[in-house]
Amino acid sequence: MLDLWFAYRLNKSVFRTTIDGQKLFYPHSVVVGGYIIPSDEVYKHILHGYMAFLIGAVPLGIIGAVFILNNILLGFLGLLLVFVLVYFVWVRIQVRDLDKVK
């Protein structure tokens, strides 16, 4: 249940809707900038991919915990590196055809 609550809160911070109903995607926070989602199909595609990433992060977290038991610093840094690299590659693929928010 906590995982779903966590995923919901992250979704709320990453996906925004303007007053006129336009959906926006902020993969790196509002400070860095966002992207305009042109249609509901693209929104669903990005949302499903984002949720799959979050759900996939749980098993990776378990695997990382095994590393942490052996070496705390190495396990944490390796896990963090994997999460960050996978997320940034996924975001680049998703936003390649989207327009930036002005």
Protein backbone atom coordinates (compact mmCIF):
# COMPACT_ATOMS: atom_id res chain seq x y z
CA MET A 1 0.00 0.00 0.00
CA LEU A 2 2.86 2.35 0.80
CA ASP A 3 4.37 1.72 -2.65
CA LEU A 4 1.13 2.79 -4.36
CA TRP A 5 0.89 5.92 -2.22
CA PHE A 6 4.51 6.76 -3.03
CA ALA A 7 3.91 6.21 -6.76
CA TYR A 8 0.78 8.38 -6.64
CA ARG A 9 2.67 11.25 -4.98
CA LEU A 10 5.48 11.00 -7.53
CA ASN A 11 2.98 10.98 -10.40
CA LYS A 12 1.36 14.11 -9.02
CA SER A 13 4.70 15.92 -9.04
CA VAL A 14 5.74 14.72 -12.51
CA PHE A 15 2.45 15.12 -14.41
CA ARG A 16 0.55 18.41 -14.31
CA THR A 17 -2.60 19.68 -15.99
CA THR A 18 -3.13 23.34 -16.90
CA ILE A 19 -6.39 25.20 -16.38
CA ASP A 20 -7.37 24.64 -20.01
CA GLY A 21 -6.76 20.86 -19.71
CA GLN A 22 -3.35 20.63 -21.39
CA LYS A 23 -1.25 17.86 -19.86
CA LEU A 24 2.40 18.56 -19.02
CA PHE A 25 5.27 16.24 -18.18
CA TYR A 26 8.00 17.43 -15.78
CA PRO A 27 10.48 14.54 -15.58
CA HIS A 28 13.17 16.54 -13.74
CA SER A 29 10.97 18.89 -11.67
CA VAL A 30 9.34 22.19 -12.46
CA VAL A 31 12.65 24.04 -12.06
CA VAL A 32 14.33 22.29 -15.00
CA GLY A 33 11.31 22.58 -17.29
CA GLY A 34 8.64 20.40 -18.75
CA TYR A 35 7.16 19.08 -21.94
CA ILE A 36 3.71 19.44 -23.50
CA ILE A 37 1.89 16.14 -23.96
CA PRO A 38 -0.03 16.45 -27.25
CA SER A 39 -2.66 13.71 -26.83
CA ASP A 40 -4.24 11.30 -24.37
CA GLU A 41 -2.55 8.35 -26.10
CA VAL A 42 0.90 9.86 -25.55
CA TYR A 43 -0.05 10.70 -21.96
CA LYS A 44 -1.13 7.11 -21.28
CA HIS A 45 2.03 5.78 -22.91
CA ILE A 46 4.29 7.99 -20.77
CA LEU A 47 2.26 7.34 -17.62
CA HIS A 48 2.41 3.56 -18.09
CA GLY A 49 6.15 3.72 -18.71
CA TYR A 50 6.68 5.88 -15.65
CA MET A 51 4.62 3.54 -13.47
CA ALA A 52 6.50 0.53 -14.88
CA PHE A 53 9.76 2.24 -13.96
CA LEU A 54 8.54 2.83 -10.41
CA ILE A 55 7.27 -0.72 -10.05
CA GLY A 56 10.48 -2.07 -11.56
CA ALA A 57 12.48 -0.04 -9.06
CA VAL A 58 11.18 -2.20 -6.19
CA PRO A 59 12.86 -5.43 -7.38
CA LEU A 60 16.01 -3.46 -8.15
CA GLY A 61 15.83 -2.12 -4.61
CA ILE A 62 15.74 -5.68 -3.28
CA ILE A 63 18.74 -6.62 -5.39
CA GLY A 64 20.47 -3.47 -4.15
CA ALA A 65 19.72 -4.50 -0.58
CA VAL A 66 21.74 -7.67 -1.16
CA PHE A 67 24.68 -5.51 -2.20
CA ILE A 68 24.15 -3.26 0.78
CA LEU A 69 24.47 -6.24 3.09
CA ASN A 70 27.91 -6.93 1.64
CA ASN A 71 29.20 -3.39 1.30
CA ILE A 72 27.00 -0.46 2.26
CA LEU A 73 28.69 2.27 0.23
CA LEU A 74 29.25 0.18 -2.90
CA GLY A 75 25.70 -1.16 -2.86
CA PHE A 76 24.14 2.26 -2.40
CA LEU A 77 26.23 3.92 -5.10
CA GLY A 78 25.65 1.09 -7.56
CA LEU A 79 21.91 1.13 -6.98
CA LEU A 80 21.74 4.90 -7.31
CA LEU A 81 23.75 4.82 -10.51
CA VAL A 82 21.47 2.19 -12.06
CA PHE A 83 18.31 4.10 -11.15
CA VAL A 84 19.61 7.41 -12.46
CA LEU A 85 20.97 6.01 -15.72
CA VAL A 86 17.85 4.01 -16.51
CA TYR A 87 15.59 6.97 -15.68
CA PHE A 88 17.55 9.47 -17.79
CA VAL A 89 17.67 7.13 -20.79
CA TRP A 90 13.94 6.45 -20.47
CA VAL A 91 13.15 10.19 -20.24
CA ARG A 92 15.25 11.01 -23.31
CA ILE A 93 13.35 8.39 -25.31
CA GLN A 94 9.96 9.67 -24.12
CA VAL A 95 10.52 13.39 -24.75
CA ARG A 96 12.26 13.22 -28.12
CA ASP A 97 9.05 14.20 -29.98
CA LEU A 98 7.51 16.51 -27.33
CA ASP A 99 7.64 20.31 -27.32
CA LYS A 100 9.11 22.10 -24.32
CA VAL A 101 6.93 24.25 -22.07
CA LYS A 102 7.59 27.94 -22.68
